[in-house]
Amino acid sequence: MNVLATGLLRAVLVFMFLGLLMAQLWVLPDISRSLAVQYPEAAHLRSPTLVTASLALVAAQLVLVCVWRLLTLVRRDTVFSPEGFRWVDVIIGAAGGAGVLALGLLLWLTWQTTQTGLQPGIALLLLGSAVLAAGIALLVGVLRSLLAKAVGLKGEATTLRAELDEVV
């Protein structure tokens, strides 16, 4: 893979990670605090919502770390190894976990706001996040199966090359 492309991708990954970290440490708590002041009747929802959103950001950060590790394997030309599967599996798990978190938060908020009703925008945002996370997990699962086929083909090619070397 092109050294320039991997270097640029690593820079993007660093900026994304730092942006997520900034959102996790400053932006989300600030928004949460201001909403609790603005809507005191919903202040009891602040902590669970903040924790869930922070965990979803941790899942996104974990995906970025895994992509970084996969780039390292690509650079070393060892991406078709068992270690590559490990990082891909973590990405699938993190995406699935983020989807479960979004769906769980949607259900919990719906239950907590039965009298006032959950705002449709928040419900659609959480439902969309759950569907997006599930889609990412499924997409990466398909890509994992392609990686498995490529590893199998690489092993078969190595075997055939060894047999051909014996014949020659």
N, C-alpha and C. Protein backbone atom coordinates (compact mmCIF):
# COMPACT_ATOMS: atom_id res chain seq x y z
N MET A 1 0.84 -1.18 0.00
CA MET A 1 0.00 0.00 0.00
C MET A 1 0.88 1.23 0.00
N ASN A 2 0.40 2.28 -0.60
CA ASN A 2 1.14 3.52 -0.73
C ASN A 2 1.48 4.09 0.64
N VAL A 3 2.74 4.45 0.83
CA VAL A 3 3.21 4.99 2.11
C VAL A 3 2.53 6.32 2.41
N LEU A 4 2.33 7.15 1.38
CA LEU A 4 1.67 8.43 1.57
C LEU A 4 0.22 8.24 2.03
N ALA A 5 -0.46 7.30 1.40
CA ALA A 5 -1.87 7.05 1.76
C ALA A 5 -1.98 6.54 3.20
N THR A 6 -1.12 5.62 3.59
CA THR A 6 -1.19 5.12 4.97
C THR A 6 -0.81 6.21 5.97
N GLY A 7 0.15 7.04 5.61
CA GLY A 7 0.54 8.14 6.50
C GLY A 7 -0.60 9.14 6.67
N LEU A 8 -1.27 9.48 5.57
CA LEU A 8 -2.41 10.39 5.66
C LEU A 8 -3.55 9.77 6.46
N LEU A 9 -3.79 8.47 6.25
CA LEU A 9 -4.84 7.80 7.00
C LEU A 9 -4.53 7.78 8.49
N ARG A 10 -3.27 7.57 8.82
CA ARG A 10 -2.89 7.61 10.24
C ARG A 10 -3.12 8.99 10.84
N ALA A 11 -2.80 10.04 10.07
CA ALA A 11 -3.04 11.40 10.56
C ALA A 11 -4.54 11.63 10.78
N VAL A 12 -5.37 11.16 9.85
CA VAL A 12 -6.81 11.30 10.01
C VAL A 12 -7.28 10.53 11.24
N LEU A 13 -6.75 9.33 11.45
CA LEU A 13 -7.13 8.54 12.62
C LEU A 13 -6.78 9.26 13.92
N VAL A 14 -5.61 9.90 13.96
CA VAL A 14 -5.20 10.64 15.16
C VAL A 14 -6.16 11.80 15.41
N PHE A 15 -6.48 12.57 14.36
CA PHE A 15 -7.41 13.69 14.53
C PHE A 15 -8.80 13.21 14.96
N MET A 16 -9.25 12.10 14.38
CA MET A 16 -10.55 11.57 14.78
C MET A 16 -10.53 11.12 16.24
N PHE A 17 -9.46 10.44 16.63
CA PHE A 17 -9.35 9.98 18.02
C PHE A 17 -9.36 11.16 18.98
N LEU A 18 -8.57 12.19 18.66
CA LEU A 18 -8.52 13.37 19.53
C LEU A 18 -9.88 14.09 19.56
N GLY A 19 -10.56 14.15 18.43
CA GLY A 19 -11.89 14.75 18.40
C GLY A 19 -12.88 13.99 19.25
N LEU A 20 -12.84 12.67 19.17
CA LEU A 20 -13.72 11.86 20.01
C LEU A 20 -13.38 12.03 21.49
N LEU A 21 -12.10 12.10 21.79
CA LEU A 21 -11.68 12.29 23.18
C LEU A 21 -12.15 13.64 23.71
N MET A 22 -12.03 14.68 22.87
CA MET A 22 -12.49 16.01 23.28
C MET A 22 -14.01 15.99 23.49
N ALA A 23 -14.74 15.32 22.61
CA ALA A 23 -16.19 15.22 22.78
C ALA A 23 -16.54 14.48 24.06
N GLN A 24 -15.77 13.45 24.34
CA GLN A 24 -16.04 12.63 25.52
C GLN A 24 -15.75 13.37 26.83
N LEU A 25 -14.68 14.13 26.85
CA LEU A 25 -14.26 14.77 28.09
C LEU A 25 -14.86 16.15 28.31
N TRP A 26 -15.17 16.89 27.23
CA TRP A 26 -15.64 18.26 27.41
C TRP A 26 -17.01 18.54 26.81
N VAL A 27 -17.22 18.13 25.57
CA VAL A 27 -18.45 18.50 24.87
C VAL A 27 -19.67 17.82 25.48
N LEU A 28 -19.64 16.49 25.59
CA LEU A 28 -20.80 15.78 26.14
C LEU A 28 -21.14 16.22 27.58
N PRO A 29 -20.16 16.32 28.47
CA PRO A 29 -20.52 16.79 29.82
C PRO A 29 -21.08 18.21 29.83
N ASP A 30 -20.55 19.07 28.96
CA ASP A 30 -21.06 20.44 28.91
C ASP A 30 -22.50 20.48 28.40
N ILE A 31 -22.78 19.75 27.34
CA ILE A 31 -24.15 19.68 26.81
C ILE A 31 -25.07 19.07 27.86
N SER A 32 -24.62 18.02 28.50
CA SER A 32 -25.42 17.36 29.52
C SER A 32 -25.75 18.30 30.67
N ARG A 33 -24.76 19.04 31.10
CA ARG A 33 -24.94 19.98 32.21
C ARG A 33 -25.93 21.08 31.83
N SER A 34 -25.77 21.64 30.64
CA SER A 34 -26.65 22.73 30.24
C SER A 34 -28.09 22.25 30.03
N LEU A 35 -28.25 21.03 29.51
CA LEU A 35 -29.61 20.49 29.35
C LEU A 35 -30.26 20.20 30.69
N ALA A 36 -29.47 19.75 31.66
CA ALA A 36 -30.02 19.49 33.00
C ALA A 36 -30.47 20.79 33.66
N VAL A 37 -29.76 21.88 33.39
CA VAL A 37 -30.16 23.17 33.95
C VAL A 37 -31.40 23.70 33.21
N GLN A 38 -31.40 23.55 31.90
CA GLN A 38 -32.51 24.05 31.09
C GLN A 38 -33.81 23.27 31.31
N TYR A 39 -33.68 21.96 31.51
CA TYR A 39 -34.84 21.09 31.72
C TYR A 39 -34.69 20.33 33.04
N PRO A 40 -34.96 20.98 34.15
CA PRO A 40 -34.75 20.32 35.46
C PRO A 40 -35.64 19.10 35.66
N GLU A 41 -36.77 19.03 34.97
CA GLU A 41 -37.64 17.86 35.12
C GLU A 41 -37.02 16.60 34.51
N ALA A 42 -36.03 16.77 33.64
CA ALA A 42 -35.36 15.62 33.02
C ALA A 42 -33.92 15.47 33.52
N ALA A 43 -33.56 16.15 34.58
CA ALA A 43 -32.18 16.12 35.08
C ALA A 43 -31.77 14.72 35.54
N HIS A 44 -32.74 13.91 35.97
CA HIS A 44 -32.41 12.55 36.42
C HIS A 44 -31.94 11.65 35.27
N LEU A 45 -32.15 12.07 34.03
CA LEU A 45 -31.72 11.30 32.85
C LEU A 45 -30.27 11.62 32.47
N ARG A 46 -29.70 12.64 33.11
CA ARG A 46 -28.39 13.12 32.71
C ARG A 46 -27.30 12.05 32.83
N SER A 47 -27.13 11.47 33.99
CA SER A 47 -26.01 10.54 34.22
C SER A 47 -26.09 9.29 33.34
N PRO A 48 -27.22 8.59 33.28
CA PRO A 48 -27.26 7.40 32.43
C PRO A 48 -27.02 7.70 30.95
N THR A 49 -27.57 8.82 30.50
CA THR A 49 -27.39 9.19 29.10
C THR A 49 -25.93 9.56 28.83
N LEU A 50 -25.32 10.28 29.73
CA LEU A 50 -23.92 10.68 29.57
C LEU A 50 -23.00 9.46 29.58
N VAL A 51 -23.24 8.53 30.49
CA VAL A 51 -22.41 7.32 30.56
C VAL A 51 -22.56 6.50 29.28
N THR A 52 -23.78 6.35 28.80
CA THR A 52 -24.02 5.56 27.59
C THR A 52 -23.36 6.21 26.37
N ALA A 53 -23.50 7.53 26.25
CA ALA A 53 -22.87 8.23 25.13
C ALA A 53 -21.35 8.12 25.21
N SER A 54 -20.80 8.22 26.41
CA SER A 54 -19.34 8.09 26.58
C SER A 54 -18.87 6.68 26.21
N LEU A 55 -19.64 5.66 26.58
CA LEU A 55 -19.27 4.29 26.21
C LEU A 55 -19.33 4.09 24.70
N ALA A 56 -20.29 4.72 24.04
CA ALA A 56 -20.36 4.63 22.58
C ALA A 56 -19.14 5.28 21.94
N LEU A 57 -18.67 6.38 22.52
CA LEU A 57 -17.46 7.02 22.01
C LEU A 57 -16.23 6.15 22.26
N VAL A 58 -16.21 5.44 23.38
CA VAL A 58 -15.11 4.51 23.64
C VAL A 58 -15.09 3.41 22.58
N ALA A 59 -16.27 2.94 22.19
CA ALA A 59 -16.35 1.92 21.13
C ALA A 59 -15.79 2.47 19.82
N ALA A 60 -16.11 3.72 19.51
CA ALA A 60 -15.59 4.34 18.28
C ALA A 60 -14.07 4.50 18.37
N GLN A 61 -13.56 4.88 19.54
CA GLN A 61 -12.11 4.99 19.72
C GLN A 61 -11.44 3.64 19.57
N LEU A 62 -12.08 2.60 20.06
CA LEU A 62 -11.54 1.25 19.93
C LEU A 62 -11.45 0.84 18.46
N VAL A 63 -12.45 1.21 17.69
CA VAL A 63 -12.43 0.92 16.25
C VAL A 63 -11.24 1.64 15.59
N LEU A 64 -11.01 2.88 15.97
CA LEU A 64 -9.89 3.62 15.39
C LEU A 64 -8.55 2.98 15.73
N VAL A 65 -8.41 2.50 16.96
CA VAL A 65 -7.17 1.81 17.36
C VAL A 65 -7.00 0.53 16.54
N CYS A 66 -8.08 -0.19 16.32
CA CYS A 66 -8.01 -1.43 15.54
C CYS A 66 -7.63 -1.15 14.09
N VAL A 67 -8.18 -0.08 13.53
CA VAL A 67 -7.81 0.29 12.15
C VAL A 67 -6.33 0.65 12.10
N TRP A 68 -5.84 1.33 13.12
CA TRP A 68 -4.41 1.66 13.19
C TRP A 68 -3.57 0.38 13.19
N ARG A 69 -3.98 -0.59 14.01
CA ARG A 69 -3.24 -1.86 14.08
C ARG A 69 -3.30 -2.60 12.75
N LEU A 70 -4.45 -2.56 12.09
CA LEU A 70 -4.56 -3.21 10.78
C LEU A 70 -3.66 -2.52 9.75
N LEU A 71 -3.55 -1.21 9.84
CA LEU A 71 -2.62 -0.50 8.94
C LEU A 71 -1.18 -0.92 9.20
N THR A 72 -0.84 -1.15 10.45
CA THR A 72 0.50 -1.63 10.78
C THR A 72 0.73 -3.00 10.15
N LEU A 73 -0.28 -3.87 10.21
CA LEU A 73 -0.15 -5.19 9.60
C LEU A 73 -0.03 -5.09 8.08
N VAL A 74 -0.74 -4.15 7.49
CA VAL A 74 -0.64 -3.94 6.04
C VAL A 74 0.76 -3.49 5.69
N ARG A 75 1.31 -2.57 6.46
CA ARG A 75 2.66 -2.08 6.19
C ARG A 75 3.70 -3.20 6.29
N ARG A 76 3.49 -4.11 7.26
CA ARG A 76 4.42 -5.24 7.43
C ARG A 76 4.11 -6.39 6.48
N ASP A 77 3.02 -6.26 5.72
CA ASP A 77 2.55 -7.30 4.79
C ASP A 77 2.20 -8.59 5.54
N THR A 78 1.61 -8.44 6.73
CA THR A 78 1.18 -9.60 7.52
C THR A 78 -0.30 -9.52 7.86
N VAL A 79 -1.06 -8.76 7.05
CA VAL A 79 -2.48 -8.61 7.35
C VAL A 79 -3.23 -9.93 7.17
N PHE A 80 -2.69 -10.84 6.33
CA PHE A 80 -3.33 -12.13 6.11
C PHE A 80 -2.81 -13.15 7.13
N SER A 81 -2.90 -12.78 8.38
CA SER A 81 -2.46 -13.64 9.47
C SER A 81 -3.56 -13.70 10.52
N PRO A 82 -3.43 -14.61 11.47
CA PRO A 82 -4.44 -14.68 12.55
C PRO A 82 -4.57 -13.37 13.33
N GLU A 83 -3.51 -12.60 13.42
CA GLU A 83 -3.57 -11.33 14.14
C GLU A 83 -4.53 -10.36 13.46
N GLY A 84 -4.59 -10.41 12.14
CA GLY A 84 -5.52 -9.56 11.41
C GLY A 84 -6.96 -9.87 11.77
N PHE A 85 -7.27 -11.16 11.91
CA PHE A 85 -8.63 -11.56 12.29
C PHE A 85 -9.00 -11.03 13.67
N ARG A 86 -8.04 -11.02 14.56
CA ARG A 86 -8.30 -10.55 15.93
C ARG A 86 -8.78 -9.11 15.92
N TRP A 87 -8.08 -8.25 15.16
CA TRP A 87 -8.45 -6.83 15.13
C TRP A 87 -9.79 -6.62 14.43
N VAL A 88 -10.04 -7.40 13.38
CA VAL A 88 -11.33 -7.30 12.69
C VAL A 88 -12.46 -7.75 13.61
N ASP A 89 -12.23 -8.79 14.38
CA ASP A 89 -13.25 -9.26 15.33
C ASP A 89 -13.55 -8.21 16.39
N VAL A 90 -12.52 -7.49 16.83
CA VAL A 90 -12.74 -6.43 17.83
C VAL A 90 -13.58 -5.31 17.21
N ILE A 91 -13.34 -4.98 15.95
CA ILE A 91 -14.14 -3.95 15.28
C ILE A 91 -15.60 -4.38 15.22
N ILE A 92 -15.83 -5.64 14.87
CA ILE A 92 -17.21 -6.15 14.79
C ILE A 92 -17.87 -6.07 16.18
N GLY A 93 -17.16 -6.48 17.20
CA GLY A 93 -17.70 -6.43 18.56
C GLY A 93 -17.97 -5.01 19.03
N ALA A 94 -17.06 -4.08 18.72
CA ALA A 94 -17.26 -2.69 19.15
C ALA A 94 -18.45 -2.07 18.43
N ALA A 95 -18.59 -2.34 17.14
CA ALA A 95 -19.74 -1.80 16.40
C ALA A 95 -21.04 -2.40 16.92
N GLY A 96 -21.03 -3.69 17.16
CA GLY A 96 -22.22 -4.34 17.71
C GLY A 96 -22.56 -3.81 19.10
N GLY A 97 -21.54 -3.61 19.91
CA GLY A 97 -21.75 -3.07 21.25
C GLY A 97 -22.31 -1.65 21.21
N ALA A 98 -21.83 -0.83 20.29
CA ALA A 98 -22.36 0.53 20.17
C ALA A 98 -23.82 0.50 19.73
N GLY A 99 -24.16 -0.43 18.86
CA GLY A 99 -25.55 -0.57 18.43
C GLY A 99 -26.45 -0.98 19.58
N VAL A 100 -25.98 -1.91 20.38
CA VAL A 100 -26.75 -2.35 21.55
C VAL A 100 -26.91 -1.20 22.55
N LEU A 101 -25.85 -0.41 22.73
CA LEU A 101 -25.94 0.74 23.63
C LEU A 101 -26.99 1.74 23.14
N ALA A 102 -26.98 2.04 21.84
CA ALA A 102 -27.94 3.00 21.30
C ALA A 102 -29.37 2.48 21.44
N LEU A 103 -29.55 1.21 21.12
CA LEU A 103 -30.89 0.63 21.24
C LEU A 103 -31.33 0.57 22.70
N GLY A 104 -30.42 0.20 23.58
CA GLY A 104 -30.73 0.16 25.00
C GLY A 104 -31.09 1.53 25.54
N LEU A 105 -30.34 2.55 25.12
CA LEU A 105 -30.65 3.91 25.57
C LEU A 105 -32.01 4.36 25.03
N LEU A 106 -32.31 4.01 23.80
CA LEU A 106 -33.62 4.34 23.23
C LEU A 106 -34.75 3.71 24.05
N LEU A 107 -34.62 2.44 24.36
CA LEU A 107 -35.65 1.75 25.13
C LEU A 107 -35.76 2.32 26.54
N TRP A 108 -34.63 2.59 27.17
CA TRP A 108 -34.64 3.13 28.53
C TRP A 108 -35.27 4.52 28.57
N LEU A 109 -34.89 5.39 27.59
CA LEU A 109 -35.46 6.73 27.56
C LEU A 109 -36.96 6.69 27.26
N THR A 110 -37.36 5.76 26.39
CA THR A 110 -38.79 5.62 26.10
C THR A 110 -39.54 5.22 27.36
N TRP A 111 -38.98 4.32 28.13
CA TRP A 111 -39.61 3.87 29.37
C TRP A 111 -39.64 4.99 30.41
N GLN A 112 -38.57 5.76 30.49
CA GLN A 112 -38.48 6.83 31.49
C GLN A 112 -39.39 8.02 31.16
N THR A 113 -39.70 8.19 29.89
CA THR A 113 -40.48 9.36 29.49
C THR A 113 -41.87 8.97 29.01
N THR A 114 -42.47 7.97 29.63
CA THR A 114 -43.78 7.51 29.18
C THR A 114 -44.85 8.58 29.37
N GLN A 115 -44.74 9.41 30.38
CA GLN A 115 -45.75 10.45 30.60
C GLN A 115 -45.57 11.63 29.66
N THR A 116 -44.35 12.07 29.47
CA THR A 116 -44.11 13.24 28.62
C THR A 116 -43.89 12.84 27.16
N GLY A 117 -43.43 11.64 26.94
CA GLY A 117 -43.14 11.18 25.58
C GLY A 117 -41.74 11.57 25.15
N LEU A 118 -41.08 10.66 24.50
CA LEU A 118 -39.74 10.91 23.99
C LEU A 118 -39.84 11.73 22.71
N GLN A 119 -39.02 12.74 22.60
CA GLN A 119 -39.06 13.57 21.40
C GLN A 119 -38.70 12.73 20.19
N PRO A 120 -39.42 12.89 19.07
CA PRO A 120 -39.18 12.06 17.88
C PRO A 120 -37.76 12.20 17.33
N GLY A 121 -37.19 13.38 17.43
CA GLY A 121 -35.83 13.58 16.92
C GLY A 121 -34.81 12.73 17.68
N ILE A 122 -34.95 12.67 18.98
CA ILE A 122 -34.03 11.86 19.79
C ILE A 122 -34.24 10.39 19.50
N ALA A 123 -35.50 9.98 19.38
CA ALA A 123 -35.79 8.58 19.09
C ALA A 123 -35.22 8.18 17.73
N LEU A 124 -35.40 9.04 16.72
CA LEU A 124 -34.85 8.73 15.39
C LEU A 124 -33.33 8.72 15.39
N LEU A 125 -32.73 9.64 16.14
CA LEU A 125 -31.27 9.67 16.23
C LEU A 125 -30.72 8.38 16.84
N LEU A 126 -31.33 7.94 17.92
CA LEU A 126 -30.86 6.71 18.57
C LEU A 126 -31.14 5.48 17.72
N LEU A 127 -32.32 5.43 17.10
CA LEU A 127 -32.64 4.30 16.23
C LEU A 127 -31.71 4.27 15.02
N GLY A 128 -31.47 5.44 14.44
CA GLY A 128 -30.53 5.52 13.32
C GLY A 128 -29.12 5.11 13.71
N SER A 129 -28.71 5.50 14.91
CA SER A 129 -27.38 5.11 15.40
C SER A 129 -27.28 3.60 15.58
N ALA A 130 -28.34 3.00 16.10
CA ALA A 130 -28.34 1.54 16.28
C ALA A 130 -28.29 0.83 14.94
N VAL A 131 -29.05 1.31 13.97
CA VAL A 131 -29.05 0.70 12.63
C VAL A 131 -27.70 0.89 11.95
N LEU A 132 -27.13 2.08 12.08
CA LEU A 132 -25.81 2.35 11.50
C LEU A 132 -24.74 1.44 12.10
N ALA A 133 -24.75 1.29 13.40
CA ALA A 133 -23.76 0.42 14.07
C ALA A 133 -23.95 -1.03 13.64
N ALA A 134 -25.20 -1.47 13.54
CA ALA A 134 -25.45 -2.85 13.09
C ALA A 134 -24.99 -3.02 11.65
N GLY A 135 -25.22 -2.02 10.83
CA GLY A 135 -24.77 -2.09 9.44
C GLY A 135 -23.26 -2.17 9.33
N ILE A 136 -22.57 -1.39 10.15
CA ILE A 136 -21.10 -1.43 10.15
C ILE A 136 -20.61 -2.80 10.61
N ALA A 137 -21.22 -3.34 11.65
CA ALA A 137 -20.82 -4.66 12.15
C ALA A 137 -21.05 -5.72 11.06
N LEU A 138 -22.18 -5.66 10.38
CA LEU A 138 -22.45 -6.64 9.32
C LEU A 138 -21.50 -6.47 8.15
N LEU A 139 -21.22 -5.23 7.76
CA LEU A 139 -20.30 -4.97 6.65
C LEU A 139 -18.90 -5.49 6.96
N VAL A 140 -18.43 -5.21 8.16
CA VAL A 140 -17.10 -5.68 8.55
C VAL A 140 -17.10 -7.21 8.67
N GLY A 141 -18.24 -7.79 9.06
CA GLY A 141 -18.34 -9.25 9.08
C GLY A 141 -18.20 -9.85 7.69
N VAL A 142 -18.80 -9.21 6.70
CA VAL A 142 -18.63 -9.68 5.31
C VAL A 142 -17.18 -9.52 4.88
N LEU A 143 -16.58 -8.39 5.22
CA LEU A 143 -15.17 -8.19 4.87
C LEU A 143 -14.27 -9.20 5.58
N ARG A 144 -14.65 -9.60 6.78
CA ARG A 144 -13.89 -10.63 7.49
C ARG A 144 -13.93 -11.95 6.74
N SER A 145 -15.10 -12.29 6.19
CA SER A 145 -15.19 -13.54 5.42
C SER A 145 -14.35 -13.46 4.16
N LEU A 146 -14.26 -12.26 3.56
CA LEU A 146 -13.37 -12.10 2.40
C LEU A 146 -11.90 -12.25 2.82
N LEU A 147 -11.57 -11.74 3.99
CA LEU A 147 -10.21 -11.91 4.51
C LEU A 147 -9.91 -13.38 4.74
N ALA A 148 -10.89 -14.11 5.26
CA ALA A 148 -10.69 -15.55 5.48
C ALA A 148 -10.46 -16.28 4.16
N LYS A 149 -11.22 -15.90 3.12
CA LYS A 149 -11.00 -16.52 1.80
C LYS A 149 -9.63 -16.18 1.26
N ALA A 150 -9.20 -14.93 1.44
CA ALA A 150 -7.89 -14.52 0.94
C ALA A 150 -6.79 -15.28 1.66
N VAL A 151 -6.94 -15.48 2.97
CA VAL A 151 -5.95 -16.24 3.73
C VAL A 151 -5.91 -17.68 3.22
N GLY A 152 -7.08 -18.26 2.97
CA GLY A 152 -7.14 -19.63 2.45
C GLY A 152 -6.50 -19.73 1.08
N LEU A 153 -6.76 -18.75 0.22
CA LEU A 153 -6.15 -18.75 -1.10
C LEU A 153 -4.64 -18.57 -1.04
N LYS A 154 -4.20 -17.72 -0.10
CA LYS A 154 -2.76 -17.51 0.06
C LYS A 154 -2.09 -18.81 0.50
N GLY A 155 -2.72 -19.53 1.45
CA GLY A 155 -2.17 -20.80 1.90
C GLY A 155 -2.16 -21.83 0.78
N GLU A 156 -3.23 -21.86 -0.02
CA GLU A 156 -3.30 -22.80 -1.14
C GLU A 156 -2.24 -22.46 -2.18
N ALA A 157 -2.03 -21.17 -2.45
CA ALA A 157 -1.02 -20.76 -3.42
C ALA A 157 0.38 -21.15 -2.93
N THR A 158 0.62 -21.01 -1.64
CA THR A 158 1.92 -21.40 -1.08
C THR A 158 2.14 -22.90 -1.25
N THR A 159 1.11 -23.69 -1.00
CA THR A 159 1.20 -25.14 -1.15
C THR A 159 1.46 -25.51 -2.61
N LEU A 160 0.74 -24.89 -3.52
CA LEU A 160 0.92 -25.18 -4.94
C LEU A 160 2.32 -24.76 -5.40
N ARG A 161 2.81 -23.64 -4.90
CA ARG A 161 4.15 -23.19 -5.29
C ARG A 161 5.20 -24.19 -4.78
N ALA A 162 5.03 -24.72 -3.57
CA ALA A 162 5.96 -25.70 -3.03
C ALA A 162 5.92 -26.98 -3.87
N GLU A 163 4.71 -27.41 -4.27
CA GLU A 163 4.61 -28.60 -5.12
C GLU A 163 5.24 -28.37 -6.47
N LEU A 164 5.05 -27.17 -7.01
CA LEU A 164 5.65 -26.85 -8.31
C LEU A 164 7.17 -26.81 -8.20
N ASP A 165 7.69 -26.30 -7.11
CA ASP A 165 9.14 -26.27 -6.90
C ASP A 165 9.71 -27.68 -6.82
N GLU A 166 8.95 -28.62 -6.24
CA GLU A 166 9.40 -30.00 -6.16
C GLU A 166 9.46 -30.63 -7.54
N VAL A 167 8.47 -30.32 -8.36
CA VAL A 167 8.41 -30.90 -9.71
C VAL A 167 9.55 -30.37 -10.55
N VAL A 168 9.83 -29.09 -10.45
CA VAL A 168 10.87 -28.46 -11.25
C VAL A 168 12.20 -28.83 -10.62
